[in-house]
Amino acid sequence: MSEEQLRRAAAVLDSYRGQLEALSRQSEVVRVSLDEYRRARETVVRYREAGAGKEVLLPVGADSFVRATSTDPEKVLTSIGSDLVIEDSAENTAKRLEARIESLEKAASAVSTRMGEVQSRADAQSAAVEELYAKTQGEPR
C-alpha cells in the first residue's frame, strides 16, 4: 500500500463529506420553505373560516401577529413572481399552496434519500481509509 493510495482515498472521503454538508444545507432550505408554505396555507384557511367582519390574528413573521378585521376572506392576494401580485380565491390559493407543499415534501424526501446514500458511501470510504492507514503504518519504509 502506498501513501498515494491513502491520500486519494482520503480525498474521496473529503468529497463525500462536502456532499453531505451541501445536502444538509439544501435540506434546511427545503425545511424552512415547507414551514413557510404550511403557515401560509394555514393562515389562508383560517382566515377564510373566520368569515367577514371577524377579528383575526395575522402572522407577520418571526412568530409575531397583528390584529385585523377580515373584510373579504374569500379573496387572497398572491405573488406570482417578478413583483406581480394577483387576486385569487382563498380556495384556489390554498390548493396552490398545497401543491407546492407536496412538491417540497417530495424534494425533502429526495434530499434525505440522497443523504443516506452518500452517508453510506462515506462510511464505507472511511473504513477503507482506516484500513489503508493501518496497512501503511505496518509496512516498513
N, C-alpha and C. Protein backbone atom coordinates (compact mmCIF):
# COMPACT_ATOMS: atom_id res chain seq x y z
N MET A 1 0.84 -1.18 0.00
CA MET A 1 0.00 0.00 0.00
C MET A 1 0.89 1.25 0.00
N SER A 2 0.49 2.20 -0.77
CA SER A 2 1.29 3.42 -0.84
C SER A 2 0.57 4.57 -0.15
N GLU A 3 1.35 5.53 0.21
CA GLU A 3 0.77 6.73 0.81
C GLU A 3 -0.08 7.48 -0.21
N GLU A 4 0.26 7.34 -1.48
CA GLU A 4 -0.52 7.98 -2.54
C GLU A 4 -1.94 7.41 -2.57
N GLN A 5 -2.08 6.11 -2.42
CA GLN A 5 -3.41 5.50 -2.38
C GLN A 5 -4.19 6.02 -1.18
N LEU A 6 -3.51 6.15 -0.07
CA LEU A 6 -4.14 6.67 1.15
C LEU A 6 -4.62 8.11 0.93
N ARG A 7 -3.78 8.92 0.30
CA ARG A 7 -4.17 10.31 0.02
C ARG A 7 -5.38 10.38 -0.90
N ARG A 8 -5.39 9.54 -1.93
CA ARG A 8 -6.53 9.52 -2.85
C ARG A 8 -7.81 9.08 -2.13
N ALA A 9 -7.71 8.06 -1.30
CA ALA A 9 -8.87 7.56 -0.56
C ALA A 9 -9.38 8.64 0.41
N ALA A 10 -8.45 9.36 1.04
CA ALA A 10 -8.84 10.43 1.95
C ALA A 10 -9.50 11.58 1.19
N ALA A 11 -9.04 11.85 -0.03
CA ALA A 11 -9.63 12.91 -0.85
C ALA A 11 -11.07 12.53 -1.23
N VAL A 12 -11.30 11.26 -1.55
CA VAL A 12 -12.65 10.81 -1.86
C VAL A 12 -13.55 10.97 -0.63
N LEU A 13 -13.02 10.60 0.54
CA LEU A 13 -13.78 10.75 1.77
C LEU A 13 -14.13 12.23 2.02
N ASP A 14 -13.18 13.11 1.80
CA ASP A 14 -13.44 14.55 1.94
C ASP A 14 -14.52 15.01 0.97
N SER A 15 -14.51 14.46 -0.24
CA SER A 15 -15.53 14.81 -1.22
C SER A 15 -16.92 14.38 -0.72
N TYR A 16 -17.00 13.18 -0.18
CA TYR A 16 -18.29 12.73 0.37
C TYR A 16 -18.74 13.63 1.52
N ARG A 17 -17.82 14.02 2.36
CA ARG A 17 -18.18 14.91 3.47
C ARG A 17 -18.68 16.25 2.95
N GLY A 18 -18.05 16.76 1.90
CA GLY A 18 -18.50 18.01 1.29
C GLY A 18 -19.90 17.87 0.71
N GLN A 19 -20.16 16.72 0.06
CA GLN A 19 -21.50 16.48 -0.48
C GLN A 19 -22.53 16.43 0.64
N LEU A 20 -22.16 15.79 1.75
CA LEU A 20 -23.09 15.70 2.89
C LEU A 20 -23.40 17.09 3.46
N GLU A 21 -22.40 17.94 3.55
CA GLU A 21 -22.63 19.30 4.04
C GLU A 21 -23.55 20.07 3.11
N ALA A 22 -23.32 19.94 1.80
CA ALA A 22 -24.18 20.63 0.83
C ALA A 22 -25.61 20.11 0.90
N LEU A 23 -25.77 18.79 1.02
CA LEU A 23 -27.10 18.22 1.12
C LEU A 23 -27.79 18.65 2.42
N SER A 24 -27.03 18.77 3.47
CA SER A 24 -27.59 19.22 4.75
C SER A 24 -28.12 20.65 4.62
N ARG A 25 -27.35 21.51 3.96
CA ARG A 25 -27.80 22.89 3.74
C ARG A 25 -29.05 22.91 2.87
N GLN A 26 -29.06 22.08 1.83
CA GLN A 26 -30.22 22.00 0.94
C GLN A 26 -31.44 21.51 1.72
N SER A 27 -31.25 20.55 2.58
CA SER A 27 -32.35 20.02 3.39
C SER A 27 -32.92 21.11 4.29
N GLU A 28 -32.06 21.93 4.85
CA GLU A 28 -32.51 23.01 5.72
C GLU A 28 -33.32 24.05 4.94
N VAL A 29 -32.88 24.37 3.74
CA VAL A 29 -33.62 25.33 2.90
C VAL A 29 -35.01 24.78 2.58
N VAL A 30 -35.09 23.50 2.24
CA VAL A 30 -36.37 22.88 1.93
C VAL A 30 -37.27 22.88 3.17
N ARG A 31 -36.69 22.57 4.33
CA ARG A 31 -37.47 22.55 5.58
C ARG A 31 -38.04 23.93 5.89
N VAL A 32 -37.23 24.96 5.75
CA VAL A 32 -37.69 26.32 6.02
C VAL A 32 -38.80 26.71 5.03
N SER A 33 -38.64 26.35 3.77
CA SER A 33 -39.67 26.64 2.77
C SER A 33 -40.97 25.90 3.10
N LEU A 34 -40.84 24.65 3.50
CA LEU A 34 -42.03 23.88 3.87
C LEU A 34 -42.77 24.54 5.03
N ASP A 35 -42.02 24.96 6.03
CA ASP A 35 -42.64 25.63 7.17
C ASP A 35 -43.38 26.88 6.73
N GLU A 36 -42.76 27.66 5.85
CA GLU A 36 -43.38 28.90 5.37
C GLU A 36 -44.67 28.62 4.59
N TYR A 37 -44.62 27.66 3.70
CA TYR A 37 -45.81 27.33 2.91
C TYR A 37 -46.92 26.75 3.77
N ARG A 38 -46.56 25.96 4.75
CA ARG A 38 -47.58 25.40 5.65
C ARG A 38 -48.25 26.51 6.46
N ARG A 39 -47.45 27.46 6.95
CA ARG A 39 -48.03 28.58 7.70
C ARG A 39 -48.94 29.41 6.81
N ALA A 40 -48.52 29.63 5.57
CA ALA A 40 -49.34 30.42 4.64
C ALA A 40 -50.65 29.70 4.36
N ARG A 41 -50.59 28.42 4.10
CA ARG A 41 -51.82 27.66 3.83
C ARG A 41 -52.75 27.73 5.04
N GLU A 42 -52.19 27.52 6.23
CA GLU A 42 -52.99 27.55 7.45
C GLU A 42 -53.62 28.92 7.65
N THR A 43 -52.88 29.97 7.37
CA THR A 43 -53.42 31.33 7.51
C THR A 43 -54.57 31.56 6.55
N VAL A 44 -54.40 31.17 5.30
CA VAL A 44 -55.46 31.36 4.30
C VAL A 44 -56.71 30.58 4.71
N VAL A 45 -56.54 29.34 5.12
CA VAL A 45 -57.68 28.50 5.51
C VAL A 45 -58.40 29.09 6.73
N ARG A 46 -57.63 29.46 7.75
CA ARG A 46 -58.25 30.01 8.97
C ARG A 46 -58.90 31.35 8.73
N TYR A 47 -58.29 32.18 7.91
CA TYR A 47 -58.86 33.49 7.59
C TYR A 47 -60.20 33.31 6.89
N ARG A 48 -60.25 32.37 5.96
CA ARG A 48 -61.49 32.09 5.23
C ARG A 48 -62.56 31.56 6.18
N GLU A 49 -62.16 30.66 7.07
CA GLU A 49 -63.11 30.08 8.03
C GLU A 49 -63.67 31.12 8.99
N ALA A 50 -62.87 32.14 9.29
CA ALA A 50 -63.29 33.17 10.25
C ALA A 50 -64.51 33.93 9.72
N GLY A 51 -64.53 34.17 8.43
CA GLY A 51 -65.66 34.91 7.86
C GLY A 51 -65.43 36.41 7.90
N ALA A 52 -66.28 37.13 7.21
CA ALA A 52 -66.15 38.59 7.10
C ALA A 52 -66.50 39.26 8.42
N GLY A 53 -65.81 40.37 8.69
CA GLY A 53 -66.10 41.19 9.86
C GLY A 53 -65.59 40.62 11.18
N LYS A 54 -64.78 39.59 11.13
CA LYS A 54 -64.26 38.97 12.36
C LYS A 54 -62.85 39.48 12.65
N GLU A 55 -62.55 39.56 13.94
CA GLU A 55 -61.19 39.92 14.33
C GLU A 55 -60.32 38.67 14.19
N VAL A 56 -59.20 38.84 13.52
CA VAL A 56 -58.28 37.73 13.31
C VAL A 56 -56.86 38.17 13.69
N LEU A 57 -56.01 37.19 13.94
CA LEU A 57 -54.59 37.44 14.15
C LEU A 57 -53.86 37.02 12.89
N LEU A 58 -53.18 37.97 12.27
CA LEU A 58 -52.45 37.68 11.04
C LEU A 58 -50.96 37.57 11.34
N PRO A 59 -50.35 36.46 10.94
CA PRO A 59 -48.91 36.31 11.17
C PRO A 59 -48.12 37.26 10.27
N VAL A 60 -47.14 37.93 10.85
CA VAL A 60 -46.29 38.83 10.08
C VAL A 60 -44.85 38.34 10.03
N GLY A 61 -44.62 37.14 10.57
CA GLY A 61 -43.28 36.54 10.58
C GLY A 61 -42.68 36.57 11.96
N ALA A 62 -41.65 35.74 12.14
CA ALA A 62 -40.92 35.64 13.41
C ALA A 62 -41.86 35.41 14.59
N ASP A 63 -42.89 34.60 14.36
CA ASP A 63 -43.88 34.27 15.39
C ASP A 63 -44.53 35.52 15.99
N SER A 64 -44.76 36.51 15.14
CA SER A 64 -45.43 37.75 15.55
C SER A 64 -46.73 37.89 14.76
N PHE A 65 -47.73 38.50 15.41
CA PHE A 65 -49.05 38.63 14.80
C PHE A 65 -49.58 40.04 14.99
N VAL A 66 -50.47 40.45 14.08
CA VAL A 66 -51.18 41.71 14.25
C VAL A 66 -52.67 41.40 14.25
N ARG A 67 -53.42 42.21 14.99
CA ARG A 67 -54.88 42.06 14.99
C ARG A 67 -55.42 42.77 13.76
N ALA A 68 -56.39 42.14 13.14
CA ALA A 68 -57.01 42.72 11.95
C ALA A 68 -58.47 42.29 11.90
N THR A 69 -59.23 42.99 11.12
CA THR A 69 -60.62 42.62 10.91
C THR A 69 -60.75 42.14 9.47
N SER A 70 -61.28 40.96 9.30
CA SER A 70 -61.42 40.40 7.95
C SER A 70 -62.49 41.17 7.19
N THR A 71 -62.18 41.48 5.95
CA THR A 71 -63.15 42.20 5.12
C THR A 71 -63.69 41.31 4.01
N ASP A 72 -62.83 40.59 3.33
CA ASP A 72 -63.26 39.71 2.24
C ASP A 72 -62.44 38.42 2.31
N PRO A 73 -62.80 37.51 3.20
CA PRO A 73 -62.00 36.31 3.42
C PRO A 73 -62.02 35.33 2.25
N GLU A 74 -62.80 35.60 1.24
CA GLU A 74 -62.83 34.71 0.07
C GLU A 74 -61.80 35.10 -0.98
N LYS A 75 -61.13 36.24 -0.79
CA LYS A 75 -60.13 36.72 -1.76
C LYS A 75 -58.77 36.82 -1.09
N VAL A 76 -57.74 36.44 -1.85
CA VAL A 76 -56.37 36.47 -1.36
C VAL A 76 -55.48 37.09 -2.42
N LEU A 77 -54.56 37.93 -2.01
CA LEU A 77 -53.56 38.47 -2.92
C LEU A 77 -52.35 37.54 -2.86
N THR A 78 -51.90 37.10 -4.03
CA THR A 78 -50.83 36.12 -4.11
C THR A 78 -49.77 36.57 -5.11
N SER A 79 -48.52 36.48 -4.70
CA SER A 79 -47.42 36.79 -5.61
C SER A 79 -47.26 35.66 -6.61
N ILE A 80 -47.05 36.04 -7.86
CA ILE A 80 -46.78 35.03 -8.89
C ILE A 80 -45.39 35.24 -9.47
N GLY A 81 -44.56 36.01 -8.76
CA GLY A 81 -43.18 36.22 -9.17
C GLY A 81 -42.96 37.56 -9.83
N SER A 82 -41.72 37.95 -9.88
CA SER A 82 -41.30 39.20 -10.53
C SER A 82 -42.14 40.39 -10.13
N ASP A 83 -42.41 40.52 -8.86
CA ASP A 83 -43.19 41.64 -8.31
C ASP A 83 -44.60 41.72 -8.88
N LEU A 84 -45.14 40.57 -9.30
CA LEU A 84 -46.52 40.52 -9.79
C LEU A 84 -47.39 39.87 -8.74
N VAL A 85 -48.54 40.51 -8.47
CA VAL A 85 -49.47 40.00 -7.48
C VAL A 85 -50.84 39.89 -8.15
N ILE A 86 -51.50 38.76 -7.87
CA ILE A 86 -52.85 38.57 -8.41
C ILE A 86 -53.82 38.39 -7.26
N GLU A 87 -55.08 38.70 -7.53
CA GLU A 87 -56.13 38.41 -6.57
C GLU A 87 -56.80 37.11 -7.02
N ASP A 88 -56.88 36.17 -6.09
CA ASP A 88 -57.48 34.87 -6.41
C ASP A 88 -58.36 34.46 -5.24
N SER A 89 -59.13 33.43 -5.46
CA SER A 89 -59.99 32.95 -4.38
C SER A 89 -59.13 32.28 -3.31
N ALA A 90 -59.62 32.30 -2.09
CA ALA A 90 -58.91 31.64 -0.99
C ALA A 90 -58.79 30.15 -1.27
N GLU A 91 -59.82 29.58 -1.87
CA GLU A 91 -59.80 28.14 -2.19
C GLU A 91 -58.68 27.82 -3.19
N ASN A 92 -58.59 28.58 -4.26
CA ASN A 92 -57.53 28.35 -5.26
C ASN A 92 -56.15 28.56 -4.66
N THR A 93 -56.04 29.58 -3.84
CA THR A 93 -54.76 29.86 -3.21
C THR A 93 -54.34 28.71 -2.30
N ALA A 94 -55.28 28.21 -1.50
CA ALA A 94 -54.97 27.08 -0.62
C ALA A 94 -54.57 25.86 -1.43
N LYS A 95 -55.24 25.62 -2.55
CA LYS A 95 -54.88 24.48 -3.41
C LYS A 95 -53.48 24.65 -3.99
N ARG A 96 -53.17 25.87 -4.43
CA ARG A 96 -51.85 26.14 -5.00
C ARG A 96 -50.77 25.95 -3.93
N LEU A 97 -51.04 26.42 -2.72
CA LEU A 97 -50.08 26.24 -1.63
C LEU A 97 -49.91 24.76 -1.30
N GLU A 98 -51.01 24.02 -1.30
CA GLU A 98 -50.95 22.58 -1.00
C GLU A 98 -50.12 21.85 -2.06
N ALA A 99 -50.28 22.23 -3.32
CA ALA A 99 -49.50 21.60 -4.39
C ALA A 99 -48.01 21.88 -4.20
N ARG A 100 -47.69 23.10 -3.80
CA ARG A 100 -46.29 23.45 -3.57
C ARG A 100 -45.74 22.69 -2.36
N ILE A 101 -46.56 22.52 -1.33
CA ILE A 101 -46.15 21.76 -0.15
C ILE A 101 -45.83 20.32 -0.54
N GLU A 102 -46.69 19.72 -1.36
CA GLU A 102 -46.45 18.35 -1.82
C GLU A 102 -45.15 18.26 -2.59
N SER A 103 -44.90 19.24 -3.43
CA SER A 103 -43.66 19.27 -4.21
C SER A 103 -42.44 19.38 -3.29
N LEU A 104 -42.54 20.25 -2.30
CA LEU A 104 -41.43 20.41 -1.35
C LEU A 104 -41.23 19.16 -0.50
N GLU A 105 -42.31 18.48 -0.14
CA GLU A 105 -42.18 17.24 0.63
C GLU A 105 -41.46 16.17 -0.19
N LYS A 106 -41.75 16.12 -1.49
CA LYS A 106 -41.03 15.18 -2.37
C LYS A 106 -39.55 15.54 -2.45
N ALA A 107 -39.28 16.83 -2.54
CA ALA A 107 -37.90 17.29 -2.59
C ALA A 107 -37.17 16.94 -1.29
N ALA A 108 -37.84 17.13 -0.17
CA ALA A 108 -37.24 16.80 1.12
C ALA A 108 -36.94 15.32 1.21
N SER A 109 -37.84 14.51 0.72
CA SER A 109 -37.64 13.06 0.72
C SER A 109 -36.46 12.68 -0.17
N ALA A 110 -36.38 13.30 -1.33
CA ALA A 110 -35.28 13.01 -2.25
C ALA A 110 -33.93 13.41 -1.65
N VAL A 111 -33.89 14.56 -1.00
CA VAL A 111 -32.65 15.01 -0.37
C VAL A 111 -32.26 14.05 0.75
N SER A 112 -33.24 13.64 1.53
CA SER A 112 -32.99 12.71 2.64
C SER A 112 -32.45 11.38 2.12
N THR A 113 -33.06 10.88 1.06
CA THR A 113 -32.60 9.62 0.45
C THR A 113 -31.17 9.77 -0.04
N ARG A 114 -30.90 10.86 -0.72
CA ARG A 114 -29.55 11.11 -1.24
C ARG A 114 -28.54 11.22 -0.10
N MET A 115 -28.93 11.88 0.98
CA MET A 115 -28.03 11.99 2.14
C MET A 115 -27.70 10.60 2.70
N GLY A 116 -28.71 9.73 2.76
CA GLY A 116 -28.48 8.38 3.25
C GLY A 116 -27.51 7.62 2.36
N GLU A 117 -27.68 7.78 1.04
CA GLU A 117 -26.79 7.11 0.10
C GLU A 117 -25.35 7.60 0.25
N VAL A 118 -25.19 8.91 0.31
CA VAL A 118 -23.85 9.49 0.43
C VAL A 118 -23.24 9.12 1.79
N GLN A 119 -24.05 9.11 2.84
CA GLN A 119 -23.55 8.73 4.16
C GLN A 119 -23.04 7.29 4.15
N SER A 120 -23.76 6.40 3.48
CA SER A 120 -23.32 5.00 3.38
C SER A 120 -21.99 4.91 2.66
N ARG A 121 -21.86 5.65 1.57
CA ARG A 121 -20.59 5.66 0.83
C ARG A 121 -19.47 6.25 1.68
N ALA A 122 -19.79 7.31 2.41
CA ALA A 122 -18.78 7.94 3.26
C ALA A 122 -18.34 6.98 4.37
N ASP A 123 -19.28 6.25 4.94
CA ASP A 123 -18.93 5.28 5.98
C ASP A 123 -18.01 4.20 5.43
N ALA A 124 -18.35 3.69 4.24
CA ALA A 124 -17.52 2.65 3.62
C ALA A 124 -16.14 3.21 3.27
N GLN A 125 -16.12 4.44 2.77
CA GLN A 125 -14.83 5.06 2.42
C GLN A 125 -14.00 5.32 3.66
N SER A 126 -14.64 5.71 4.74
CA SER A 126 -13.92 5.94 6.00
C SER A 126 -13.27 4.66 6.48
N ALA A 127 -14.00 3.56 6.40
CA ALA A 127 -13.44 2.26 6.80
C ALA A 127 -12.25 1.90 5.91
N ALA A 128 -12.39 2.18 4.60
CA ALA A 128 -11.29 1.89 3.67
C ALA A 128 -10.07 2.74 3.99
N VAL A 129 -10.29 4.00 4.32
CA VAL A 129 -9.17 4.89 4.67
C VAL A 129 -8.47 4.39 5.93
N GLU A 130 -9.26 4.01 6.91
CA GLU A 130 -8.67 3.49 8.15
C GLU A 130 -7.85 2.23 7.88
N GLU A 131 -8.38 1.36 7.02
CA GLU A 131 -7.66 0.12 6.68
C GLU A 131 -6.36 0.44 5.95
N LEU A 132 -6.44 1.34 4.98
CA LEU A 132 -5.23 1.74 4.24
C LEU A 132 -4.20 2.38 5.18
N TYR A 133 -4.68 3.19 6.08
CA TYR A 133 -3.77 3.84 7.03
C TYR A 133 -3.07 2.80 7.89
N ALA A 134 -3.84 1.84 8.38
CA ALA A 134 -3.26 0.79 9.21
C ALA A 134 -2.22 0.00 8.43
N LYS A 135 -2.49 -0.28 7.17
CA LYS A 135 -1.54 -1.03 6.34
C LYS A 135 -0.28 -0.22 6.07
N THR A 136 -0.44 1.08 5.82
CA THR A 136 0.76 1.90 5.57
C THR A 136 1.59 2.06 6.83
N GLN A 137 0.97 2.02 7.99
CA GLN A 137 1.72 2.13 9.23
C GLN A 137 2.46 0.84 9.54
N GLY A 138 1.91 -0.29 9.07
CA GLY A 138 2.52 -1.58 9.34
C GLY A 138 3.63 -1.94 8.37
N GLU A 139 3.71 -1.24 7.26
CA GLU A 139 4.74 -1.55 6.26
C GLU A 139 6.05 -0.88 6.63
N PRO A 140 7.15 -1.57 6.38
CA PRO A 140 8.45 -0.92 6.62
C PRO A 140 8.69 0.13 5.55
N ARG A 141 9.40 1.15 5.93
CA ARG A 141 9.65 2.26 4.99
C ARG A 141 10.95 2.10 4.30
